[in-house]
PDB file of N, CA and C in Angstrom:
ATOM      1  N   MET A   1       0.572  -1.262  -0.047  1.00  0.00           N
ATOM      2  CA  MET A   1       0.204  -0.350   0.098  1.00  0.00           C
ATOM      3  C   MET A   1       1.193   1.342  -0.148  1.00  0.00           C
ATOM      4  N   THR A   2       2.030   1.089   0.833  1.00  0.00           N
ATOM      5  CA  THR A   2       2.843   1.778   0.809  1.00  0.00           C
ATOM      6  C   THR A   2       3.518   2.821  -0.266  1.00  0.00           C
ATOM      7  N   ALA A   3       3.925   1.686  -0.901  1.00  0.00           N
ATOM      8  CA  ALA A   3       4.220   1.941  -2.252  1.00  0.00           C
ATOM      9  C   ALA A   3       3.625   2.491  -3.584  1.00  0.00           C
ATOM     10  N   ARG A   4       2.569   1.623  -3.504  1.00  0.00           N
ATOM     11  CA  ARG A   4       1.679   2.738  -4.505  1.00  0.00           C
ATOM     12  C   ARG A   4       1.361   4.123  -3.792  1.00  0.00           C
ATOM     13  N   LEU A   5       1.570   4.503  -2.500  1.00  0.00           N
ATOM     14  CA  LEU A   5       0.988   5.800  -2.629  1.00  0.00           C
ATOM     15  C   LEU A   5       2.437   5.790  -2.380  1.00  0.00           C
ATOM     16  N   VAL A   6       3.355   6.175  -3.156  1.00  0.00           N
ATOM     17  CA  VAL A   6       4.538   7.008  -3.153  1.00  0.00           C
ATOM     18  C   VAL A   6       4.350   6.936  -4.877  1.00  0.00           C
ATOM     19  N   LEU A   7       3.933   5.989  -5.564  1.00  0.00           N
ATOM     20  CA  LEU A   7       3.526   6.160  -6.863  1.00  0.00           C
ATOM     21  C   LEU A   7       2.794   7.728  -7.332  1.00  0.00           C
ATOM     22  N   ILE A   8       1.527   6.854  -6.922  1.00  0.00           N
ATOM     23  CA  ILE A   8       0.780   7.545  -6.844  1.00  0.00           C
ATOM     24  C   ILE A   8       1.217   9.480  -6.385  1.00  0.00           C
ATOM     25  N   LEU A   9       2.101   9.968  -5.342  1.00  0.00           N
ATOM     26  CA  LEU A   9       2.126  11.267  -5.354  1.00  0.00           C
ATOM     27  C   LEU A   9       3.253  11.140  -6.214  1.00  0.00           C
ATOM     28  N   ALA A  10       4.065  10.344  -6.846  1.00  0.00           N
ATOM     29  CA  ALA A  10       5.565  10.877  -7.801  1.00  0.00           C
ATOM     30  C   ALA A  10       4.342  11.762  -8.465  1.00  0.00           C
ATOM     31  N   ILE A  11       3.280  10.555  -9.243  1.00  0.00           N
ATOM     32  CA  ILE A  11       3.227  11.304 -10.610  1.00  0.00           C
ATOM     33  C   ILE A  11       2.323  12.259 -10.108  1.00  0.00           C
ATOM     34  N   ALA A  12       1.831  12.646  -9.537  1.00  0.00           N
ATOM     35  CA  ALA A  12       0.760  14.270  -9.356  1.00  0.00           C
ATOM     36  C   ALA A  12       1.927  15.088  -8.750  1.00  0.00           C
ATOM     37  N   PHE A  13       3.051  14.842  -8.600  1.00  0.00           N
ATOM     38  CA  PHE A  13       3.983  15.705  -8.530  1.00  0.00           C
ATOM     39  C   PHE A  13       4.928  15.690  -9.653  1.00  0.00           C
ATOM     40  N   PHE A  14       5.073  14.741 -10.716  1.00  0.00           N
ATOM     41  CA  PHE A  14       5.022  15.583 -12.398  1.00  0.00           C
ATOM     42  C   PHE A  14       4.954  15.981 -12.680  1.00  0.00           C
ATOM     43  N   ALA A  15       3.081  15.715 -13.066  1.00  0.00           N
ATOM     44  CA  ALA A  15       2.047  16.159 -13.525  1.00  0.00           C
ATOM     45  C   ALA A  15       2.222  17.964 -12.980  1.00  0.00           C
ATOM     46  N   LEU A  16       2.343  18.566 -11.815  1.00  0.00           N
ATOM     47  CA  LEU A  16       1.793  19.634 -11.326  1.00  0.00           C
ATOM     48  C   LEU A  16       3.367  20.178 -11.752  1.00  0.00           C
ATOM     49  N   ALA A  17       4.311  19.093 -11.599  1.00  0.00           N
ATOM     50  CA  ALA A  17       5.434  20.233 -12.311  1.00  0.00           C
ATOM     51  C   ALA A  17       5.182  20.869 -13.914  1.00  0.00           C
ATOM     52  N   GLY A  18       4.662  19.731 -14.051  1.00  0.00           N
ATOM     53  CA  GLY A  18       4.295  20.715 -15.961  1.00  0.00           C
ATOM     54  C   GLY A  18       3.518  20.889 -15.667  1.00  0.00           C
ATOM     55  N   CYS A  19       3.077  20.919 -15.119  1.00  0.00           N
ATOM     56  CA  CYS A  19       1.418  22.863 -14.747  1.00  0.00           C
ATOM     57  C   CYS A  19       1.840  24.152 -15.369  1.00  0.00           C
ATOM     58  N   ALA A  20       3.444  23.519 -13.783  1.00  0.00           N
ATOM     59  CA  ALA A  20       4.333  24.993 -13.569  1.00  0.00           C
ATOM     60  C   ALA A  20       5.399  25.149 -14.262  1.00  0.00           C
ATOM     61  N   SER A  21       5.398  24.167 -15.323  1.00  0.00           N
ATOM     62  CA  SER A  21       6.654  24.665 -16.890  1.00  0.00           C
ATOM     63  C   SER A  21       5.577  25.084 -18.018  1.00  0.00           C
ATOM     64  N   ILE A  22       4.087  24.965 -18.378  1.00  0.00           N
ATOM     65  CA  ILE A  22       3.512  26.095 -18.820  1.00  0.00           C
ATOM     66  C   ILE A  22       3.340  26.865 -18.279  1.00  0.00           C
ATOM     67  N   ALA A  23       2.651  27.869 -17.019  1.00  0.00           N
ATOM     68  CA  ALA A  23       2.109  28.465 -16.719  1.00  0.00           C
ATOM     69  C   ALA A  23       3.105  29.931 -17.623  1.00  0.00           C
ATOM     70  N   PRO A  24       3.927  30.081 -16.936  1.00  0.00           N
ATOM     71  CA  PRO A  24       4.763  31.873 -17.879  1.00  0.00           C
ATOM     72  C   PRO A  24       4.130  31.697 -19.570  1.00  0.00           C
ATOM     73  N   GLU A  25       3.862  30.213 -19.634  1.00  0.00           N
ATOM     74  CA  GLU A  25       3.422  30.941 -21.537  1.00  0.00           C
ATOM     75  C   GLU A  25       1.878  31.288 -21.164  1.00  0.00           C
ATOM     76  N   LEU A  26       0.886  31.781 -19.933  1.00  0.00           N
ATOM     77  CA  LEU A  26       0.008  32.354 -19.966  1.00  0.00           C
ATOM     78  C   LEU A  26      -0.222  33.698 -19.748  1.00  0.00           C
ATOM     79  N   SER A  27       1.135  33.990 -19.900  1.00  0.00           N
ATOM     80  CA  SER A  27       1.112  35.045 -18.980  1.00  0.00           C
ATOM     81  C   SER A  27       1.156  36.708 -20.505  1.00  0.00           C
ATOM     82  N   GLY A  28       0.624  36.680 -21.793  1.00  0.00           N
ATOM     83  CA  GLY A  28       0.521  36.921 -22.778  1.00  0.00           C
ATOM     84  C   GLY A  28      -0.232  38.599 -22.231  1.00  0.00           C
ATOM     85  N   ASN A  29      -1.377  38.604 -21.524  1.00  0.00           N
ATOM     86  CA  ASN A  29      -1.327  39.860 -21.426  1.00  0.00           C
ATOM     87  C   ASN A  29      -1.849  40.209 -19.680  1.00  0.00           C
ATOM     88  N   ALA A  30      -2.658  41.047 -19.579  1.00  0.00           N
ATOM     89  CA  ALA A  30      -2.371  41.625 -18.354  1.00  0.00           C
ATOM     90  C   ALA A  30      -4.080  40.147 -17.476  1.00  0.00           C
ATOM     91  N   SER A  31      -5.157  40.025 -18.325  1.00  0.00           N
ATOM     92  CA  SER A  31      -5.940  38.874 -17.547  1.00  0.00           C
ATOM     93  C   SER A  31      -4.897  37.768 -17.606  1.00  0.00           C
ATOM     94  N   GLY A  32      -4.004  37.440 -18.636  1.00  0.00           N
ATOM     95  CA  GLY A  32      -2.848  36.782 -18.663  1.00  0.00           C
ATOM     96  C   GLY A  32      -2.319  36.389 -17.046  1.00  0.00           C
ATOM     97  N   VAL A  33      -1.485  37.269 -16.817  1.00  0.00           N
ATOM     98  CA  VAL A  33      -1.060  37.636 -16.123  1.00  0.00           C
ATOM     99  C   VAL A  33      -1.693  37.325 -14.447  1.00  0.00           C
ATOM    100  N   VAL A  34      -2.749  37.459 -14.290  1.00  0.00           N
ATOM    101  CA  VAL A  34      -3.808  37.668 -13.276  1.00  0.00           C
ATOM    102  C   VAL A  34      -3.779  35.744 -13.325  1.00  0.00           C
ATOM    103  N   GLN A  35      -4.062  35.352 -14.175  1.00  0.00           N
ATOM    104  CA  GLN A  35      -4.135  34.046 -14.689  1.00  0.00           C
ATOM    105  C   GLN A  35      -2.987  32.785 -14.149  1.00  0.00           C
ATOM    106  N   SER A  36      -2.046  32.744 -14.217  1.00  0.00           N
ATOM    107  CA  SER A  36      -0.764  32.978 -14.557  1.00  0.00           C
ATOM    108  C   SER A  36      -0.403  32.660 -13.139  1.00  0.00           C
ATOM    109  N   ALA A  37      -0.650  33.727 -12.340  1.00  0.00           N
ATOM    110  CA  ALA A  37      -0.252  33.857 -11.061  1.00  0.00           C
ATOM    111  C   ALA A  37      -0.660  33.048  -9.881  1.00  0.00           C
ATOM    112  N   ALA A  38      -2.695  33.237 -10.209  1.00  0.00           N
ATOM    113  CA  ALA A  38      -3.612  32.282  -9.484  1.00  0.00           C
ATOM    114  C   ALA A  38      -3.131  30.689 -10.052  1.00  0.00           C
ATOM    115  N   LEU A  39      -2.750  30.024 -11.076  1.00  0.00           N
ATOM    116  CA  LEU A  39      -2.483  28.449 -11.565  1.00  0.00           C
ATOM    117  C   LEU A  39      -1.468  28.406 -10.757  1.00  0.00           C
ATOM    118  N   LEU A  40       0.393  29.256 -10.763  1.00  0.00           N
ATOM    119  CA  LEU A  40       1.405  29.142  -9.827  1.00  0.00           C
ATOM    120  C   LEU A  40       0.348  28.724  -8.268  1.00  0.00           C
ATOM    121  N   GLU A  41      -0.273  29.356  -7.786  1.00  0.00           N
ATOM    122  CA  GLU A  41      -0.389  29.298  -6.757  1.00  0.00           C
ATOM    123  C   GLU A  41      -1.696  28.610  -6.536  1.00  0.00           C
ATOM    124  N   ASP A  42      -2.121  28.100  -7.562  1.00  0.00           N
ATOM    125  CA  ASP A  42      -2.860  27.094  -7.076  1.00  0.00           C
ATOM    126  C   ASP A  42      -2.091  25.226  -7.299  1.00  0.00           C
ATOM    127  N   ILE A  43      -0.886  25.680  -7.869  1.00  0.00           N
ATOM    128  CA  ILE A  43      -0.378  24.229  -7.987  1.00  0.00           C
ATOM    129  C   ILE A  43       0.306  24.053  -6.692  1.00  0.00           C
ATOM    130  N   ARG A  44       0.799  26.240  -5.707  1.00  0.00           N
ATOM    131  CA  ARG A  44       1.558  24.950  -4.600  1.00  0.00           C
ATOM    132  C   ARG A  44       0.622  25.274  -4.197  1.00  0.00           C
ATOM    133  N   VAL A  45      -0.473  25.314  -3.591  1.00  0.00           N
ATOM    134  CA  VAL A  45      -1.965  24.611  -2.380  1.00  0.00           C
ATOM    135  C   VAL A  45      -1.487  23.177  -2.555  1.00  0.00           C
ATOM    136  N   ALA A  46      -1.531  22.405  -4.222  1.00  0.00           N
ATOM    137  CA  ALA A  46      -1.465  21.525  -4.439  1.00  0.00           C
ATOM    138  C   ALA A  46      -0.836  20.023  -4.846  1.00  0.00           C
ATOM    139  N   ARG A  47       0.616  21.418  -4.000  1.00  0.00           N
ATOM    140  CA  ARG A  47       2.482  20.158  -3.526  1.00  0.00           C
ATOM    141  C   ARG A  47       2.209  20.007  -2.377  1.00  0.00           C
ATOM    142  N   ALA A  48       1.665  21.532  -1.688  1.00  0.00           N
ATOM    143  CA  ALA A  48       0.914  21.324   0.107  1.00  0.00           C
ATOM    144  C   ALA A  48      -0.085  19.975   0.355  1.00  0.00           C
ATOM    145  N   TYR A  49      -1.048  19.740  -0.212  1.00  0.00           N
ATOM    146  CA  TYR A  49      -1.802  19.107  -0.170  1.00  0.00           C
ATOM    147  C   TYR A  49      -1.777  17.029  -0.170  1.00  0.00           C
ATOM    148  N   ALA A  50      -0.281  17.257  -1.392  1.00  0.00           N
ATOM    149  CA  ALA A  50       0.180  15.707  -1.367  1.00  0.00           C
ATOM    150  C   ALA A  50       1.288  15.810  -1.095  1.00  0.00           C
ATOM    151  N   SER A  51       1.887  17.126  -0.030  1.00  0.00           N
ATOM    152  CA  SER A  51       2.704  16.982   1.323  1.00  0.00           C
ATOM    153  C   SER A  51       2.007  16.659   2.260  1.00  0.00           C
ATOM    154  N   LEU A  52       0.888  16.689   2.530  1.00  0.00           N
ATOM    155  CA  LEU A  52       0.214  15.771   4.104  1.00  0.00           C
ATOM    156  C   LEU A  52       0.383  15.085   3.880  1.00  0.00           C
ATOM    157  N   ALA A  53      -0.269  14.498   2.744  1.00  0.00           N
ATOM    158  CA  ALA A  53      -0.264  13.239   2.105  1.00  0.00           C
ATOM    159  C   ALA A  53       0.614  11.635   2.625  1.00  0.00           C
ATOM    160  N   ALA A  54       1.765  13.009   2.148  1.00  0.00           N
ATOM    161  CA  ALA A  54       3.305  11.936   3.053  1.00  0.00           C
ATOM    162  C   ALA A  54       3.035  12.535   4.071  1.00  0.00           C
ATOM    163  N   VAL A  55       2.866  13.151   4.487  1.00  0.00           N
ATOM    164  CA  VAL A  55       3.010  13.044   6.418  1.00  0.00           C
ATOM    165  C   VAL A  55       1.833  12.207   7.134  1.00  0.00           C
ATOM    166  N   ARG A  56       0.980  12.596   6.838  1.00  0.00           N
ATOM    167  CA  ARG A  56      -0.133  11.637   6.516  1.00  0.00           C
ATOM    168  C   ARG A  56       0.555  10.668   7.417  1.00  0.00           C
ATOM    169  N   SER A  57       1.213   9.888   5.187  1.00  0.00           N
ATOM    170  CA  SER A  57       1.499   7.872   5.619  1.00  0.00           C
ATOM    171  C   SER A  57       2.751   8.295   6.568  1.00  0.00           C
ATOM    172  N   GLY A  58       3.463   9.359   6.801  1.00  0.00           N
ATOM    173  CA  GLY A  58       5.128   8.858   7.614  1.00  0.00           C
ATOM    174  C   GLY A  58       4.796   9.283   8.373  1.00  0.00           C
ATOM    175  N   ALA A  59       3.651   9.216   8.954  1.00  0.00           N
ATOM    176  CA  ALA A  59       2.968   8.839  10.487  1.00  0.00           C
ATOM    177  C   ALA A  59       2.804   7.124  11.337  1.00  0.00           C
ATOM    178  N   ALA A  60       2.077   7.484  10.197  1.00  0.00           N
ATOM    179  CA  ALA A  60       1.395   5.760  10.140  1.00  0.00           C
ATOM    180  C   ALA A  60       2.230   5.028   9.747  1.00  0.00           C
ATOM    181  N   SER A  61       3.723   4.682   8.922  1.00  0.00           N
ATOM    182  CA  SER A  61       4.698   3.979   9.222  1.00  0.00           C
ATOM    183  C   SER A  61       5.623   3.940  10.503  1.00  0.00           C
ATOM    184  N   LEU A  62       5.466   5.277  10.863  1.00  0.00           N
ATOM    185  CA  LEU A  62       6.388   5.662  11.816  1.00  0.00           C
ATOM    186  C   LEU A  62       5.656   4.513  12.891  1.00  0.00           C
ATOM    187  N   LEU A  63       4.293   4.288  12.796  1.00  0.00           N
ATOM    188  CA  LEU A  63       3.661   4.112  14.265  1.00  0.00           C
ATOM    189  C   LEU A  63       3.242   2.600  13.886  1.00  0.00           C
ATOM    190  N   GLU A  64       3.180   1.738  13.138  1.00  0.00           N
ATOM    191  CA  GLU A  64       3.833   1.049  12.640  1.00  0.00           C
ATOM    192  C   GLU A  64       5.581  -0.065  12.931  1.00  0.00           C
ATOM    193  N   ARG A  65       6.045   1.006  12.889  1.00  0.00           N
ATOM    194  CA  ARG A  65       7.814   0.544  12.926  1.00  0.00           C
ATOM    195  C   ARG A  65       8.078   0.790  14.812  1.00  0.00           C
ATOM    196  N   GLY A  66       7.070   1.494  15.249  1.00  0.00           N
ATOM    197  CA  GLY A  66       7.223   1.017  16.811  1.00  0.00           C
ATOM    198  C   GLY A  66       8.227   2.705  17.085  1.00  0.00           C
ATOM    199  N   ARG A  67       8.593   3.583  15.917  1.00  0.00           N
ATOM    200  CA  ARG A  67       9.145   5.017  16.119  1.00  0.00           C
ATOM    201  C   ARG A  67       8.748   6.060  17.270  1.00  0.00           C
ATOM    202  N   ILE A  68       7.140   5.784  16.959  1.00  0.00           N
ATOM    203  CA  ILE A  68       6.012   6.562  17.189  1.00  0.00           C
ATOM    204  C   ILE A  68       5.286   6.385  18.071  1.00  0.00           C
ATOM    205  N   LYS A  69       4.591   6.833  19.645  1.00  0.00           N
ATOM    206  CA  LYS A  69       3.803   6.225  20.207  1.00  0.00           C
ATOM    207  C   LYS A  69       2.575   6.361  19.733  1.00  0.00           C
ATOM    208  N   VAL A  70       1.421   6.164  20.113  1.00  0.00           N
ATOM    209  CA  VAL A  70      -0.105   6.454  19.440  1.00  0.00           C
ATOM    210  C   VAL A  70       0.126   7.399  19.619  1.00  0.00           C
ATOM    211  N   GLU A  71      -0.187   8.584  20.855  1.00  0.00           N
ATOM    212  CA  GLU A  71      -0.596   9.418  21.456  1.00  0.00           C
ATOM    213  C   GLU A  71       0.271  10.689  19.966  1.00  0.00           C
ATOM    214  N   ASP A  72       1.304  10.464  19.614  1.00  0.00           N
ATOM    215  CA  ASP A  72       2.058  11.398  18.533  1.00  0.00           C
ATOM    216  C   ASP A  72       1.410  10.947  17.563  1.00  0.00           C
ATOM    217  N   ALA A  73       1.297   9.328  17.283  1.00  0.00           N
ATOM    218  CA  ALA A  73       0.541   9.454  15.928  1.00  0.00           C
ATOM    219  C   ALA A  73      -0.482  10.344  15.760  1.00  0.00           C
ATOM    220  N   GLU A  74      -1.174  10.374  16.700  1.00  0.00           N
ATOM    221  CA  GLU A  74      -3.062  10.913  16.809  1.00  0.00           C
ATOM    222  C   GLU A  74      -2.720  12.459  17.094  1.00  0.00           C
ATOM    223  N   ARG A  75      -1.700  13.074  17.787  1.00  0.00           N
ATOM    224  CA  ARG A  75      -1.259  14.524  17.698  1.00  0.00           C
ATOM    225  C   ARG A  75      -0.362  14.469  16.127  1.00  0.00           C
ATOM    226  N   VAL A  76      -0.406  13.803  15.582  1.00  0.00           N
ATOM    227  CA  VAL A  76       0.511  14.238  13.778  1.00  0.00           C
ATOM    228  C   VAL A  76      -0.183  14.364  13.167  1.00  0.00           C
ATOM    229  N   GLN A  77      -1.995  13.530  13.000  1.00  0.00           N
ATOM    230  CA  GLN A  77      -3.012  13.506  12.275  1.00  0.00           C
ATOM    231  C   GLN A  77      -4.088  14.440  12.929  1.00  0.00           C
ATOM    232  N   ALA A  78      -3.679  14.925  13.923  1.00  0.00           N
ATOM    233  CA  ALA A  78      -4.388  16.185  14.516  1.00  0.00           C
ATOM    234  C   ALA A  78      -4.758  17.404  13.605  1.00  0.00           C
ATOM    235  N   ALA A  79      -3.191  17.551  13.651  1.00  0.00           N
ATOM    236  CA  ALA A  79      -1.902  18.960  12.852  1.00  0.00           C
ATOM    237  C   ALA A  79      -2.708  18.648  11.578  1.00  0.00           C
ATOM    238  N   ALA A  80      -2.201  17.505  10.629  1.00  0.00           N
ATOM    239  CA  ALA A  80      -2.582  17.313  10.046  1.00  0.00           C
ATOM    240  C   ALA A  80      -3.629  17.828   9.139  1.00  0.00           C
ATOM    241  N   ASP A  81      -5.156  17.444  10.354  1.00  0.00           N
ATOM    242  CA  ASP A  81      -6.087  17.887   9.967  1.00  0.00           C
ATOM    243  C   ASP A  81      -6.343  19.321  10.006  1.00  0.00           C
ATOM    244  N   ALA A  82      -5.562  20.377  10.723  1.00  0.00           N
ATOM    245  CA  ALA A  82      -5.986  21.276  10.723  1.00  0.00           C
ATOM    246  C   ALA A  82      -4.875  21.640  10.065  1.00  0.00           C
ATOM    247  N   VAL A  83      -3.763  21.602   9.099  1.00  0.00           N
ATOM    248  CA  VAL A  83      -2.529  21.918   7.477  1.00  0.00           C
ATOM    249  C   VAL A  83      -4.697  21.756   6.928  1.00  0.00           C
ATOM    250  N   ARG A  84      -4.647  20.626   6.465  1.00  0.00           N
ATOM    251  CA  ARG A  84      -5.653  19.889   5.479  1.00  0.00           C
ATOM    252  C   ARG A  84      -7.388  21.481   5.768  1.00  0.00           C
ATOM    253  N   ALA A  85      -7.599  21.881   6.971  1.00  0.00           N
ATOM    254  CA  ALA A  85      -8.947  22.874   7.205  1.00  0.00           C
ATOM    255  C   ALA A  85      -7.958  23.989   6.151  1.00  0.00           C
ATOM    256  N   GLY A  86      -6.430  24.419   6.940  1.00  0.00           N
ATOM    257  CA  GLY A  86      -5.857  25.609   6.273  1.00  0.00           C
ATOM    258  C   GLY A  86      -5.981  25.975   4.796  1.00  0.00           C
ATOM    259  N   LEU A  87      -5.387  24.662   4.722  1.00  0.00           N
ATOM    260  CA  LEU A  87      -5.345  25.111   3.040  1.00  0.00           C
ATOM    261  C   LEU A  87      -7.187  24.381   2.201  1.00  0.00           C
ATOM    262  N   ASP A  88      -7.540  24.092   2.852  1.00  0.00           N
ATOM    263  CA  ASP A  88      -8.733  23.786   1.955  1.00  0.00           C
ATOM    264  C   ASP A  88      -9.244  26.174   2.041  1.00  0.00           C
ATOM    265  N   VAL A  89      -9.425  26.056   3.213  1.00  0.00           N
ATOM    266  CA  VAL A  89     -10.070  27.925   3.801  1.00  0.00           C
ATOM    267  C   VAL A  89      -8.954  28.288   2.439  1.00  0.00           C
ATOM    268  N   ALA A  90      -7.398  28.654   2.089  1.00  0.00           N
ATOM    269  CA  ALA A  90      -6.399  29.188   1.484  1.00  0.00           C
ATOM    270  C   ALA A  90      -6.898  29.482  -0.129  1.00  0.00           C
ATOM    271  N   ARG A  91      -6.980  27.963  -0.485  1.00  0.00           N
ATOM    272  CA  ARG A  91      -7.898  27.942  -2.179  1.00  0.00           C
ATOM    273  C   ARG A  91      -8.906  28.689  -2.314  1.00  0.00           C
ATOM    274  N   ILE A  92     -10.323  28.571  -0.942  1.00  0.00           N
ATOM    275  CA  ILE A  92     -11.642  28.820  -1.644  1.00  0.00           C
ATOM    276  C   ILE A  92     -10.925  30.808  -1.671  1.00  0.00           C
ATOM    277  N   ALA A  93      -9.938  31.312  -0.769  1.00  0.00           N
ATOM    278  CA  ALA A  93      -9.568  32.461  -1.001  1.00  0.00           C
ATOM    279  C   ALA A  93      -9.257  32.905  -2.017  1.00  0.00           C
ATOM    280  N   LEU A  94      -8.055  32.457  -2.242  1.00  0.00           N
ATOM    281  CA  LEU A  94      -7.744  32.134  -3.739  1.00  0.00           C
ATOM    282  C   LEU A  94      -8.569  32.255  -4.850  1.00  0.00           C
ATOM    283  N   ARG A  95      -9.275  31.270  -5.002  1.00  0.00           N
ATOM    284  CA  ARG A  95     -10.694  31.749  -6.074  1.00  0.00           C
ATOM    285  C   ARG A  95     -11.546  32.624  -6.253  1.00  0.00           C
ATOM    286  N   ALA A  96     -11.387  33.123  -4.391  1.00  0.00           N
ATOM    287  CA  ALA A  96     -12.955  34.239  -4.232  1.00  0.00           C
ATOM    288  C   ALA A  96     -11.909  35.362  -4.802  1.00  0.00           C
ATOM    289  N   GLY A  97     -10.480  35.593  -4.817  1.00  0.00           N
ATOM    290  CA  GLY A  97      -9.577  36.591  -4.942  1.00  0.00           C
ATOM    291  C   GLY A  97      -9.700  37.451  -3.914  1.00  0.00           C
ATOM    292  N   ARG A  98      -9.232  36.004  -2.923  1.00  0.00           N
ATOM    293  CA  ARG A  98      -9.048  37.443  -1.824  1.00  0.00           C
ATOM    294  C   ARG A  98      -8.002  37.268  -1.177  1.00  0.00           C
ATOM    295  N   GLU A  99      -6.733  37.812  -1.878  1.00  0.00           N
ATOM    296  CA  GLU A  99      -5.055  37.634  -2.140  1.00  0.00           C
ATOM    297  C   GLU A  99      -5.173  37.880  -0.427  1.00  0.00           C
ATOM    298  N   GLY A 100      -5.426  38.886   0.364  1.00  0.00           N
ATOM    299  CA  GLY A 100      -4.872  38.746   1.499  1.00  0.00           C
ATOM    300  C   GLY A 100      -4.874  37.757   2.323  1.00  0.00           C
ATOM    301  N   SER A 101      -6.002  37.380   2.804  1.00  0.00           N
ATOM    302  CA  SER A 101      -6.734  36.078   2.874  1.00  0.00           C
ATOM    303  C   SER A 101      -6.007  34.630   2.067  1.00  0.00           C
ATOM    304  N   TYR A 102      -5.124  34.818   1.635  1.00  0.00           N
ATOM    305  CA  TYR A 102      -4.855  33.361   0.891  1.00  0.00           C
ATOM    306  C   TYR A 102      -3.780  33.521   1.218  1.00  0.00           C
ATOM    307  N   GLN A 103      -2.430  34.489   0.974  1.00  0.00           N
ATOM    308  CA  GLN A 103      -1.346  34.917   1.785  1.00  0.00           C
ATOM    309  C   GLN A 103      -0.882  34.375   3.756  1.00  0.00           C
ATOM    310  N   VAL A 104      -1.977  35.145   4.149  1.00  0.00           N
ATOM    311  CA  VAL A 104      -1.931  35.035   5.672  1.00  0.00           C
ATOM    312  C   VAL A 104      -1.984  33.572   5.347  1.00  0.00           C
ATOM    313  N   THR A 105      -3.510  32.454   5.508  1.00  0.00           N
ATOM    314  CA  THR A 105      -3.705  31.584   5.318  1.00  0.00           C
ATOM    315  C   THR A 105      -2.967  30.544   4.953  1.00  0.00           C
ATOM    316  N   VAL A 106      -2.965  30.498   4.036  1.00  0.00           N
ATOM    317  CA  VAL A 106      -1.376  28.952   2.839  1.00  0.00           C
ATOM    318  C   VAL A 106       0.080  29.060   3.917  1.00  0.00           C
ATOM    319  N   ALA A 107       0.437  30.809   4.135  1.00  0.00           N
ATOM    320  CA  ALA A 107       1.531  30.544   5.637  1.00  0.00           C
ATOM    321  C   ALA A 107       1.187  29.312   6.637  1.00  0.00           C
ATOM    322  N   GLN A 108       0.405  30.271   7.254  1.00  0.00           N
ATOM    323  CA  GLN A 108       0.163  29.683   8.591  1.00  0.00           C
ATOM    324  C   GLN A 108       0.021  28.359   8.345  1.00  0.00           C
ATOM    325  N   ALA A 109      -0.747  28.448   7.117  1.00  0.00           N
ATOM    326  CA  ALA A 109      -0.802  26.186   6.956  1.00  0.00           C
ATOM    327  C   ALA A 109       0.880  25.510   6.051  1.00  0.00           C
ATOM    328  N   LEU A 110       1.296  26.100   5.896  1.00  0.00           N
ATOM    329  CA  LEU A 110       2.383  25.723   5.051  1.00  0.00           C
ATOM    330  C   LEU A 110       3.063  25.385   6.643  1.00  0.00           C
ATOM    331  N   GLN A 111       3.895  26.436   7.203  1.00  0.00           N
ATOM    332  CA  GLN A 111       4.479  27.128   8.472  1.00  0.00           C
ATOM    333  C   GLN A 111       4.038  25.401   9.640  1.00  0.00           C
ATOM    334  N   LEU A 112       3.509  24.959   9.386  1.00  0.00           N
ATOM    335  CA  LEU A 112       2.716  24.217  10.239  1.00  0.00           C
ATOM    336  C   LEU A 112       3.100  22.784   9.531  1.00  0.00           C
ATOM    337  N   LEU A 113       2.968  22.518   8.452  1.00  0.00           N
ATOM    338  CA  LEU A 113       2.828  21.499   7.672  1.00  0.00           C
ATOM    339  C   LEU A 113       4.615  20.870   7.664  1.00  0.00           C
ATOM    340  N   ALA A 114       5.800  22.539   7.816  1.00  0.00           N
ATOM    341  CA  ALA A 114       7.059  22.373   7.258  1.00  0.00           C
ATOM    342  C   ALA A 114       7.735  21.531   9.289  1.00  0.00           C
ATOM    343  N   GLY A 115       6.781  21.826   9.966  1.00  0.00           N
ATOM    344  CA  GLY A 115       7.277  21.087  11.208  1.00  0.00           C
ATOM    345  C   GLY A 115       6.749  19.494  11.324  1.00  0.00           C
ATOM    346  N   LEU A 116       5.616  19.195  10.254  1.00  0.00           N
ATOM    347  CA  LEU A 116       5.169  18.378  10.824  1.00  0.00           C
ATOM    348  C   LEU A 116       6.282  17.700  10.000  1.00  0.00           C
ATOM    349  N   GLU A 117       6.288  17.811   9.178  1.00  0.00           N
ATOM    350  CA  GLU A 117       7.705  17.279   8.273  1.00  0.00           C
ATOM    351  C   GLU A 117       9.440  17.237   8.690  1.00  0.00           C
ATOM    352  N   ALA A 118       9.444  18.320   9.115  1.00  0.00           N
ATOM    353  CA  ALA A 118      10.350  18.300   9.702  1.00  0.00           C
ATOM    354  C   ALA A 118      10.419  16.890  11.120  1.00  0.00           C
ATOM    355  N   TYR A 119       9.019  17.203  11.933  1.00  0.00           N
ATOM    356  CA  TYR A 119       9.384  15.912  13.319  1.00  0.00           C
ATOM    357  C   TYR A 119       9.335  14.401  12.606  1.00  0.00           C
ATOM    358  N   ILE A 120       8.288  14.617  11.209  1.00  0.00           N
ATOM    359  CA  ILE A 120       9.073  12.664  10.990  1.00  0.00           C
ATOM    360  C   ILE A 120      10.289  12.340   9.662  1.00  0.00           C
ATOM    361  N   THR A 121      10.658  13.618   9.338  1.00  0.00           N
ATOM    362  CA  THR A 121      11.741  13.044   8.849  1.00  0.00           C
ATOM    363  C   THR A 121      13.286  13.065  10.386  1.00  0.00           C
ATOM    364  N   GLU A 122      12.695  14.292  11.333  1.00  0.00           N
ATOM    365  CA  GLU A 122      13.629  13.758  12.603  1.00  0.00           C
ATOM    366  C   GLU A 122      13.479  12.437  13.269  1.00  0.00           C
ATOM    367  N   LYS A 123      12.046  11.372  13.618  1.00  0.00           N
ATOM    368  CA  LYS A 123      11.883  10.185  13.889  1.00  0.00           C
ATOM    369  C   LYS A 123      12.026   8.922  13.426  1.00  0.00           C
ATOM    370  N   SER A 124      12.068   9.739  11.445  1.00  0.00           N
ATOM    371  CA  SER A 124      12.951   8.269  10.831  1.00  0.00           C
ATOM    372  C   SER A 124      13.445   8.083  10.658  1.00  0.00           C
ATOM    373  N   GLN A 125      14.899   8.847  11.364  1.00  0.00           N
ATOM    374  CA  GLN A 125      16.253   8.560  10.775  1.00  0.00           C
ATOM    375  C   GLN A 125      16.704   7.688  12.227  1.00  0.00           C
TER     376      GLN A 125
END
């Protein structure tokens, strides 16, 4: 199951990377620039969702291997739920054109996600 998840995440990552490479071509006029910037931010959020899935999987794997306790895994999952909620709110704000709200919310979600990634990495060693 874990190998399948890694494969799915890898495919999603490369698909998103391909989308990022075409984004500059969308900036032909003022309207295109806005669309291009929004597309890049949408890709940023999509990558965060993929990273979040990897964090959840990593926590489950660490729990199975006895590297973390059940309580620690539950805290990781609760924090991951908070990141997911933040990313959902940020994505809604982005699509509604509320740039300021989007920037604040996505920054907070990404900061928490980075902390979770660091924790998983630390416990994996």
